[in-house]
Structures are given as C-alpha cells and as structure tokens.
Amino acid sequence: MPRASMLSEVLRRRLDPALEAVMRKLSRHDVRGPLRAALALHRNKAMQRTIERFAPAIAPLEDAVLQGDGAAIDHFDALVAEAVTAMRAERPMDLDGDGRSRLTELLHTVDARLYRDRPELMDDPSFPEDERTHALDVLDRFNHCTGIYETVMAAIDPLVEAASADGKRPIVHDVAAGHGGLSLYLAERFGDRVAIEASDLREEYLALGRAQAAERGLSVRFSVEDALALGGLEERGVDVITCTQAIHHFPPGMIARMMSEAARRARVGACFFDGERSFTTLGLVALVGALYGRTYTFYYDAVTSIRRMFYEEELALVAALAPGMPKARVETGIAPPSHVYVRITREP
C-alpha cells in the first residue's frame, strides 16, 4: 500500500473517530454564536418592514408567475432578490432607535462581512466523479455524526404524523436531493412505515443514491424532477415534500417559487431545511473540514456553503413573499447545531 494511502487509513481509523466524538458533543448545542442573539430583534424588525414594503408590489404578479409567464417570473425574482438585499441593508441606527443601537450597528457591520455568494466546486457538472463520490461520502459521515439527519427528521415528524392520521402510508419526497443522503437515512429510520422518495435534476447524483440504496438494501424511489414543476407528485398523492441542505444553492426568488410549488403540491405540507450562516459555525467547520476526511473539496464547499446560507428571518421573508401559497400555517425555527427550517402545514 502506498505511504499516502497508509497514512490516510491510519488517520481515518484514529483521528476521525476522535473528531466525530467532538462533533457529536457540539451537535447538542446551538453553535451559531453571540451575534445571532444580539441581532435577532433587529433582523425581525427589518424583515417586517421589508415585507410591508415589497408585498404590495409582488401581489399583482402572483397569478402570472403561477401560470409560468417568463416576464412575470423574471420580475418576481428580481423583486424578491431586491427585498432580501434591502433587508440585509437595513441599519440598526435607522431602524431600532434604542440605546443599544450603536452596539447593534457595529455587530451588524461585522456580520455583513460574512455573506458571500460564490459557486461550490461540486456545482460544476464536469467535476471529477471519483472526487465527488469521496467528498459526498465525507459529507454523509459528517451529517451523521453531527446529528443533522436526526434534526431534519424531528422537523418533519409533525407532518409525517399528520399524514398518518387517516391510516394511509405517508409518502415523503425530498426535492433537490442530490445523492439522497437524507432519503437513505429516512428509509433506514422509518422502515416500511413511510415511503421515501428523492429527486434531483442531475442524474449523476441520483445514480450515486441508487447505488447506495441497493448496497444497503433500502427502498427509495429516485427520479429526475424539477422542484418548480411538481404536478406529478400531487397526482401520486405525495404527502410531505422536503428540501434539505440545498436552498443556499438557489437565488431567493427561486426559493420562494419552490416553497409555493411544494406547499401547493403536497397533501399535508412541506419543510425546507438548511444551515444558517454564522462566524462561529464558519470557524468550527473550517477547522473540522481541514482535519476531517482530508479532502479539499469538502473543506472548500463546506466553508463556501456557510457563507451563502440564509438567516431564519431571511427565509421567513422569502416564505412571506412566495406566490400563491395555499391556506397554511408557516413556521420558522432553529435547530441545533446551526440550522433553520421553514415548515408549511396545509390547513383544511
């Protein structure tokens, strides 16, 4: 065995378990840091003000957006992107008007430096397949040991229980699922009680998921689906639609349309789940990413992802501007170690 391979194997057997133990302990706590709490009130005020400003301009576009009018969609997407940018630009000194505003202004200025939108390495379709497979394997192990899949399962469990109330076997479908890491986990945990499905636009990711499902003896339906055109899922009676750890890949207007599409097509409801950007999370992931798995792809994409992610209040804004939402209860929440969700439960 080459020396590099021997060293890699030793590190995987000796160093990785120690890192996983540390990550398991951290996963029980909210690790997003003090800036999150200090700026929460300001962000909520900025969100409410932005909704009041942009909702009247967006409302007249809704019907045309739902009908697929290209010009209306472009206008809608531009307005939602402008709304998110405007919310981020709201200054505490102008908005809060209290004695703490100077400190909040400083924290807001520091925090604004964190956001950066740039592509991840694995977003490139020409990225080498062996490196992609290795990086996804590291990501799956990371998600398992940090309890992320368990946290997602807890977030969607109220929807699954509601879908089970009439004795029907629920169908849970994860869109923009990539290689289906979450779907494979849910298939293991739910067993035959719930039918699990996963879809993505990219067949090369789905092929990896199918291979994993076959190797592990799991029943998961994989299919190519557009998260903005889910009429087929509605026809098949899909109960719960999820989108996990993917929305930071999309612009705000598209996310709003995805939320609307999922909420209108699912029989019971939908849940969108992703990480939340913070300096503390960035530092921890940068440190762990450099040591765990020893793959530059995982390190680079993990750090890049965190800087692209949304805050809870930003996702609440996007959900509030989503076109043609059905009558539903929309909740946002935080989940350890550093995640947020939007859960949409349809009302009778």
Protein backbone atom coordinates (compact mmCIF):
# COMPACT_ATOMS: atom_id res chain seq x y z
CA MET A 1 0.00 0.00 0.00
CA PRO A 2 1.44 3.45 -0.89
CA ARG A 3 2.61 5.51 2.06
CA ALA A 4 -0.03 8.20 1.41
CA SER A 5 -2.78 5.57 1.43
CA MET A 6 -1.40 4.02 4.64
CA LEU A 7 -1.36 7.43 6.34
CA SER A 8 -4.89 8.17 5.15
CA GLU A 9 -6.12 4.85 6.52
CA VAL A 10 -4.44 5.46 9.89
CA LEU A 11 -5.95 8.93 10.14
CA ARG A 12 -9.38 7.59 9.23
CA ARG A 13 -9.16 4.90 11.95
CA ARG A 14 -7.53 7.03 14.65
CA LEU A 15 -8.21 10.74 14.04
CA ASP A 16 -11.70 10.64 12.51
CA PRO A 17 -13.39 8.82 15.43
CA ALA A 18 -11.98 11.42 17.83
CA LEU A 19 -13.25 14.26 15.65
CA GLU A 20 -16.63 12.56 15.35
CA ALA A 21 -16.87 12.32 19.14
CA VAL A 22 -16.20 16.05 19.44
CA MET A 23 -18.73 16.85 16.73
CA ARG A 24 -21.39 14.70 18.42
CA LYS A 25 -20.97 16.72 21.61
CA LEU A 26 -21.10 20.03 19.75
CA SER A 27 -24.20 18.95 17.83
CA ARG A 28 -26.28 19.04 21.01
CA HIS A 29 -25.73 22.79 21.32
CA ASP A 30 -26.55 25.88 19.30
CA VAL A 31 -23.12 26.86 17.95
CA ARG A 32 -24.12 29.88 15.89
CA GLY A 33 -22.54 32.30 18.36
CA PRO A 34 -23.47 35.53 20.21
CA LEU A 35 -24.02 37.64 17.09
CA ARG A 36 -27.13 35.59 16.34
CA ALA A 37 -28.84 36.51 19.59
CA ALA A 38 -27.62 40.11 19.57
CA LEU A 39 -29.02 40.80 16.10
CA ALA A 40 -32.23 38.73 16.25
CA LEU A 41 -34.52 41.62 17.26
CA HIS A 42 -33.09 43.91 14.60
CA ARG A 43 -33.45 41.25 11.90
CA ASN A 44 -37.06 40.62 12.85
CA LYS A 45 -37.85 44.34 12.59
CA ALA A 46 -36.03 44.55 9.26
CA MET A 47 -37.98 41.54 7.98
CA GLN A 48 -41.36 43.02 8.92
CA ARG A 49 -40.50 46.36 7.36
CA THR A 50 -39.31 44.70 4.16
CA ILE A 51 -42.48 42.61 3.85
CA GLU A 52 -44.60 45.74 4.21
CA ARG A 53 -42.53 47.46 1.52
CA PHE A 54 -42.38 44.68 -1.10
CA ALA A 55 -45.56 42.60 -0.68
CA PRO A 56 -47.81 45.17 -2.43
CA ALA A 57 -45.51 45.20 -5.49
CA ILE A 58 -45.32 41.40 -5.66
CA ALA A 59 -49.02 40.58 -5.17
CA PRO A 60 -50.13 41.63 -8.69
CA LEU A 61 -47.55 39.27 -10.23
CA GLU A 62 -48.67 36.10 -8.45
CA ASP A 63 -51.18 34.74 -10.96
CA ALA A 64 -48.85 35.28 -13.92
CA VAL A 65 -45.96 33.67 -12.03
CA LEU A 66 -48.06 30.59 -11.26
CA GLN A 67 -49.06 30.38 -14.93
CA GLY A 68 -45.40 30.30 -15.94
CA ASP A 69 -45.21 33.72 -17.60
CA GLY A 70 -41.49 34.27 -18.20
CA ALA A 71 -41.53 38.06 -17.90
CA ALA A 72 -43.57 37.91 -14.68
CA ILE A 73 -41.20 35.31 -13.22
CA ASP A 74 -38.17 37.46 -14.05
CA HIS A 75 -39.83 40.50 -12.47
CA PHE A 76 -40.87 38.49 -9.41
CA ASP A 77 -37.39 37.01 -8.92
CA ALA A 78 -35.82 40.45 -9.23
CA LEU A 79 -38.19 41.89 -6.61
CA VAL A 80 -37.56 39.08 -4.12
CA ALA A 81 -33.80 39.40 -4.59
CA GLU A 82 -34.13 43.15 -4.07
CA ALA A 83 -36.20 42.53 -0.93
CA VAL A 84 -33.55 40.27 0.62
CA THR A 85 -30.82 42.76 -0.26
CA ALA A 86 -32.89 45.60 1.22
CA MET A 87 -33.48 43.64 4.42
CA ARG A 88 -29.76 42.98 4.80
CA ALA A 89 -29.03 46.68 4.24
CA GLU A 90 -31.39 47.90 6.98
CA ARG A 91 -29.19 49.69 9.52
CA PRO A 92 -29.91 49.34 13.23
CA MET A 93 -29.25 53.08 13.78
CA ASP A 94 -32.08 53.90 11.36
CA LEU A 95 -34.47 51.14 12.38
CA ASP A 96 -34.14 50.24 16.05
CA GLY A 97 -33.98 53.64 17.75
CA ASP A 98 -32.94 52.43 21.18
CA GLY A 99 -29.93 52.83 23.43
CA ARG A 100 -28.32 49.64 22.17
CA SER A 101 -28.41 50.68 18.52
CA ARG A 102 -24.75 51.78 18.36
CA LEU A 103 -23.55 48.37 19.53
CA THR A 104 -26.06 46.65 17.26
CA GLU A 105 -24.82 48.80 14.38
CA LEU A 106 -21.25 47.64 14.99
CA LEU A 107 -22.30 43.99 15.21
CA HIS A 108 -24.40 44.38 12.06
CA THR A 109 -21.41 45.83 10.18
CA VAL A 110 -19.21 42.93 11.27
CA ASP A 111 -21.87 40.36 10.48
CA ALA A 112 -22.47 41.77 6.98
CA ARG A 113 -18.91 40.76 6.05
CA LEU A 114 -19.80 37.08 6.36
CA TYR A 115 -22.17 36.78 3.40
CA ARG A 116 -20.52 35.88 0.12
CA ASP A 117 -22.09 34.18 -2.88
CA ARG A 118 -19.73 32.11 -4.99
CA PRO A 119 -20.10 28.66 -6.59
CA GLU A 120 -19.07 25.45 -4.90
CA LEU A 121 -16.67 23.04 -6.56
CA MET A 122 -19.27 20.28 -6.83
CA ASP A 123 -21.68 22.66 -8.59
CA ASP A 124 -19.52 22.14 -11.69
CA PRO A 125 -21.00 19.28 -13.81
CA SER A 126 -17.50 18.46 -15.09
CA PHE A 127 -16.14 17.90 -11.58
CA PRO A 128 -14.28 14.54 -11.43
CA GLU A 129 -16.66 11.75 -10.40
CA ASP A 130 -14.23 9.98 -8.04
CA GLU A 131 -13.57 13.20 -6.13
CA ARG A 132 -17.31 13.93 -5.99
CA THR A 133 -18.02 10.46 -4.58
CA HIS A 134 -15.31 10.80 -1.94
CA ALA A 135 -16.46 14.28 -0.88
CA LEU A 136 -20.09 13.11 -0.63
CA ASP A 137 -19.01 10.15 1.50
CA VAL A 138 -17.25 12.55 3.89
CA LEU A 139 -20.33 14.79 3.89
CA ASP A 140 -22.60 11.86 4.78
CA ARG A 141 -20.35 10.83 7.67
CA PHE A 142 -20.24 14.46 8.82
CA ASN A 143 -24.05 14.74 8.69
CA HIS A 144 -24.46 11.51 10.66
CA CYS A 145 -22.05 12.36 13.45
CA THR A 146 -23.37 15.91 13.85
CA GLY A 147 -26.93 14.64 14.05
CA ILE A 148 -28.14 16.74 11.11
CA TYR A 149 -30.26 13.95 9.63
CA GLU A 150 -31.84 13.33 13.04
CA THR A 151 -32.64 17.04 13.32
CA VAL A 152 -34.31 17.05 9.91
CA MET A 153 -36.35 14.00 10.86
CA ALA A 154 -37.55 15.77 14.02
CA ALA A 155 -38.52 18.85 11.98
CA ILE A 156 -40.65 16.87 9.52
CA ASP A 157 -42.10 14.44 12.06
CA PRO A 158 -45.23 16.56 12.77
CA LEU A 159 -46.02 16.48 9.04
CA VAL A 160 -45.46 12.73 8.83
CA GLU A 161 -47.69 12.14 11.85
CA ALA A 162 -50.43 14.29 10.32
CA ALA A 163 -50.14 12.30 7.08
CA SER A 164 -50.50 9.05 9.04
CA ALA A 165 -53.66 10.14 10.86
CA ASP A 166 -56.06 8.58 8.34
CA GLY A 167 -54.22 5.26 8.29
CA LYS A 168 -52.53 5.97 4.97
CA ARG A 169 -48.89 5.05 4.45
CA PRO A 170 -47.30 8.50 4.07
CA ILE A 171 -45.10 9.40 1.12
CA VAL A 172 -42.18 11.74 1.84
CA HIS A 173 -40.39 13.20 -1.18
CA ASP A 174 -37.11 15.14 -0.93
CA VAL A 175 -36.53 17.55 -3.84
CA ALA A 176 -33.11 18.88 -4.90
CA ALA A 177 -31.91 15.82 -3.01
CA GLY A 178 -28.53 15.40 -4.67
CA HIS A 179 -27.30 11.89 -3.95
CA GLY A 180 -30.16 11.31 -1.49
CA GLY A 181 -28.22 11.13 1.77
CA LEU A 182 -31.21 12.24 3.83
CA SER A 183 -33.61 9.95 1.96
CA LEU A 184 -31.43 6.93 2.65
CA TYR A 185 -31.32 7.86 6.33
CA LEU A 186 -35.11 8.30 6.47
CA ALA A 187 -35.62 4.95 4.75
CA GLU A 188 -33.50 3.29 7.45
CA ARG A 189 -35.28 5.04 10.30
CA PHE A 190 -38.89 4.89 9.09
CA GLY A 191 -38.64 1.46 7.51
CA ASP A 192 -41.83 0.27 5.82
CA ARG A 193 -43.96 2.76 7.78
CA VAL A 194 -43.20 5.58 5.30
CA ALA A 195 -42.50 5.52 1.56
CA ILE A 196 -39.37 7.56 0.83
CA GLU A 197 -38.60 9.27 -2.46
CA ALA A 198 -35.81 11.54 -3.70
CA SER A 199 -35.42 13.64 -6.81
CA ASP A 200 -32.94 15.97 -8.43
CA LEU A 201 -32.34 17.48 -11.85
CA ARG A 202 -28.92 15.85 -12.10
CA GLU A 203 -28.93 12.16 -12.96
CA GLU A 204 -25.29 11.69 -11.94
CA TYR A 205 -26.21 12.45 -8.31
CA LEU A 206 -29.24 10.16 -8.39
CA ALA A 207 -27.11 7.32 -9.75
CA LEU A 208 -24.94 7.55 -6.64
CA GLY A 209 -28.06 7.38 -4.46
CA ARG A 210 -29.44 4.35 -6.28
CA ALA A 211 -26.14 2.53 -5.86
CA GLN A 212 -26.10 3.28 -2.13
CA ALA A 213 -29.72 2.17 -1.71
CA ALA A 214 -29.00 -1.12 -3.48
CA GLU A 215 -25.87 -1.72 -1.42
CA ARG A 216 -27.71 -1.07 1.85
CA GLY A 217 -30.92 -2.88 0.88
CA LEU A 218 -33.09 0.23 1.17
CA SER A 219 -36.27 1.03 -0.72
CA VAL A 220 -36.04 4.60 -2.05
CA ARG A 221 -37.64 5.81 -5.26
CA PHE A 222 -35.22 8.06 -7.19
CA SER A 223 -36.42 10.21 -10.09
CA VAL A 224 -35.47 13.26 -12.10
CA GLU A 225 -37.83 16.07 -11.11
CA ASP A 226 -37.86 19.84 -11.41
CA ALA A 227 -38.53 21.35 -7.96
CA LEU A 228 -40.52 24.09 -9.72
CA ALA A 229 -42.84 21.65 -11.53
CA LEU A 230 -44.14 19.05 -9.09
CA GLY A 231 -47.56 18.33 -10.56
CA GLY A 232 -46.65 14.65 -10.90
CA LEU A 233 -46.09 14.41 -7.16
CA GLU A 234 -49.52 15.87 -6.49
CA GLU A 235 -51.10 13.32 -8.84
CA ARG A 236 -49.39 10.48 -6.97
CA GLY A 237 -50.62 11.78 -3.62
CA VAL A 238 -47.25 12.71 -2.09
CA ASP A 239 -47.94 13.82 1.47
CA VAL A 240 -44.79 15.65 2.54
CA ILE A 241 -42.25 17.44 0.37
CA THR A 242 -38.88 18.34 1.84
CA CYS A 243 -35.85 20.26 0.63
CA THR A 244 -32.80 19.81 2.81
CA GLN A 245 -29.40 21.49 2.80
CA ALA A 246 -29.89 22.72 -0.75
CA ILE A 247 -31.64 26.09 -0.77
CA HIS A 248 -28.42 28.08 -0.39
CA HIS A 249 -27.66 26.94 -3.95
CA PHE A 250 -30.62 28.96 -5.30
CA PRO A 251 -31.45 32.68 -5.57
CA PRO A 252 -34.19 33.99 -3.25
CA GLY A 253 -36.88 34.32 -5.94
CA MET A 254 -36.44 30.72 -6.99
CA ILE A 255 -36.61 29.58 -3.36
CA ALA A 256 -39.90 31.47 -2.94
CA ARG A 257 -41.31 29.73 -6.02
CA MET A 258 -40.04 26.35 -4.79
CA MET A 259 -41.77 26.90 -1.44
CA SER A 260 -45.02 27.76 -3.16
CA GLU A 261 -44.80 24.78 -5.53
CA ALA A 262 -44.07 22.33 -2.71
CA ALA A 263 -46.79 23.75 -0.43
CA ARG A 264 -49.42 23.59 -3.21
CA ARG A 265 -48.50 20.08 -4.39
CA ALA A 266 -48.02 18.27 -1.06
CA ARG A 267 -51.14 16.78 0.51
CA VAL A 268 -50.09 17.69 4.07
CA GLY A 269 -47.19 20.12 3.94
CA ALA A 270 -43.58 20.92 3.17
CA CYS A 271 -40.39 21.59 5.08
CA PHE A 272 -37.32 23.49 3.88
CA PHE A 273 -34.22 22.90 5.99
CA ASP A 274 -30.72 24.34 5.73
CA GLY A 275 -27.79 25.61 7.71
CA GLU A 276 -27.64 29.19 8.95
CA ARG A 277 -24.56 31.31 8.34
CA SER A 278 -22.55 32.48 11.33
CA PHE A 279 -18.92 33.24 12.09
CA THR A 280 -18.83 30.63 14.85
CA THR A 281 -20.14 27.89 12.58
CA LEU A 282 -17.76 29.03 9.85
CA GLY A 283 -14.77 28.75 12.19
CA LEU A 284 -15.75 25.34 13.53
CA VAL A 285 -16.48 23.89 10.11
CA ALA A 286 -13.27 25.35 8.68
CA LEU A 287 -11.28 23.68 11.46
CA VAL A 288 -13.08 20.35 11.29
CA GLY A 289 -13.21 20.44 7.50
CA ALA A 290 -9.45 20.81 7.29
CA LEU A 291 -8.90 17.76 9.51
CA TYR A 292 -11.88 15.50 8.80
CA GLY A 293 -11.69 13.41 5.66
CA ARG A 294 -8.66 15.34 4.39
CA THR A 295 -10.39 16.42 1.19
CA TYR A 296 -10.04 19.95 -0.12
CA THR A 297 -13.39 19.64 -1.89
CA PHE A 298 -15.27 19.02 1.35
CA TYR A 299 -13.38 21.83 3.12
CA TYR A 300 -13.88 24.38 0.33
CA ASP A 301 -17.54 23.57 -0.32
CA ALA A 302 -18.44 23.48 3.38
CA VAL A 303 -16.95 26.92 4.00
CA THR A 304 -18.46 28.30 0.79
CA SER A 305 -21.89 26.87 1.69
CA ILE A 306 -21.97 28.52 5.10
CA ARG A 307 -21.21 31.94 3.64
CA ARG A 308 -24.08 31.54 1.13
CA MET A 309 -26.69 30.39 3.66
CA PHE A 310 -29.67 32.39 4.88
CA TYR A 311 -30.72 33.55 8.32
CA GLU A 312 -34.03 32.38 9.75
CA GLU A 313 -35.54 35.84 9.27
CA GLU A 314 -34.38 35.97 5.65
CA LEU A 315 -36.09 32.64 4.93
CA ALA A 316 -39.21 33.90 6.73
CA LEU A 317 -39.17 36.90 4.40
CA VAL A 318 -38.84 34.68 1.33
CA ALA A 319 -41.72 32.47 2.53
CA ALA A 320 -43.90 35.53 3.16
CA LEU A 321 -43.34 36.66 -0.45
CA ALA A 322 -43.90 33.21 -2.01
CA PRO A 323 -46.55 33.41 -4.76
CA GLY A 324 -49.93 31.71 -4.46
CA MET A 325 -49.35 29.99 -1.16
CA PRO A 326 -52.30 27.81 -0.10
CA LYS A 327 -54.07 28.35 3.20
CA ALA A 328 -51.40 27.07 5.56
CA ARG A 329 -49.55 27.60 8.82
CA VAL A 330 -46.00 28.76 8.11
CA GLU A 331 -43.48 28.31 10.90
CA THR A 332 -39.78 29.07 11.06
CA GLY A 333 -37.44 27.75 13.70
CA ILE A 334 -33.89 26.97 14.67
CA ALA A 335 -32.41 23.53 15.18
CA PRO A 336 -29.04 22.58 16.67
CA PRO A 337 -26.25 22.68 15.88
CA SER A 338 -26.66 25.54 13.39
CA HIS A 339 -29.73 25.01 11.25
CA VAL A 340 -33.01 26.70 10.40
CA TYR A 341 -36.23 25.46 8.87
CA VAL A 342 -39.43 26.69 7.26
CA ARG A 343 -42.29 24.27 7.91
CA ILE A 344 -45.54 24.75 5.97
CA THR A 345 -48.60 22.83 7.18
CA ARG A 346 -51.66 22.97 4.97
CA GLU A 347 -54.93 23.78 6.66
CA PRO A 348 -58.25 22.10 5.74
